[in-house]
Amino acid sequence: MIFVDSNIPMYLVGAEHPNKPRTLALLERCVGDGERLVTDVEVFQEILHRYVAIARREAISPAFEVLLAVIDEVFDVTLKDALRAKEIVLHLTGLSARDALHLAVMEGHGVHRILSFDGGFDQIPGIDRLD
């Protein structure tokens, strides 16, 4: 199982960027290998937040569509996840609050691999970041 971070669909639908072809290649490899791809509902909120903040509302639907097209399951975020994320950020510097929440969800579902360009996950023992 591989967790898909919010930067993946945003690179796919966004403007040209060095990570765009890498993102496509990584996704094609994961799908071709039959990997089970998962995410959490917070990733959708991040897409909403980012595209509203930069006044690119027209990109919201394509980003949601591409994410839903490749994802096998979307995990809910619970109070238990938020409490675990709190513990993570209180004991670990260098990881954003949103990444701590994703990590808490991943822990709760036994996910140890993440598709992300966010290097903050590299400091987490037992987490394999694919980039």
Foldseek 3Di string as FASTA:
>chain_A
DAEEALVLLCLCQDDDDPCNVVSVVVLVVCVVVVHAYEYEPVSLVVLVVVCVVVVNVVCSVSSVVVCVVRHPYYHYQDPQLLVQLVVCCVVDPPADSVRSSRVSVCVVVVHQEYADPRCSCVVDPSHHYDD
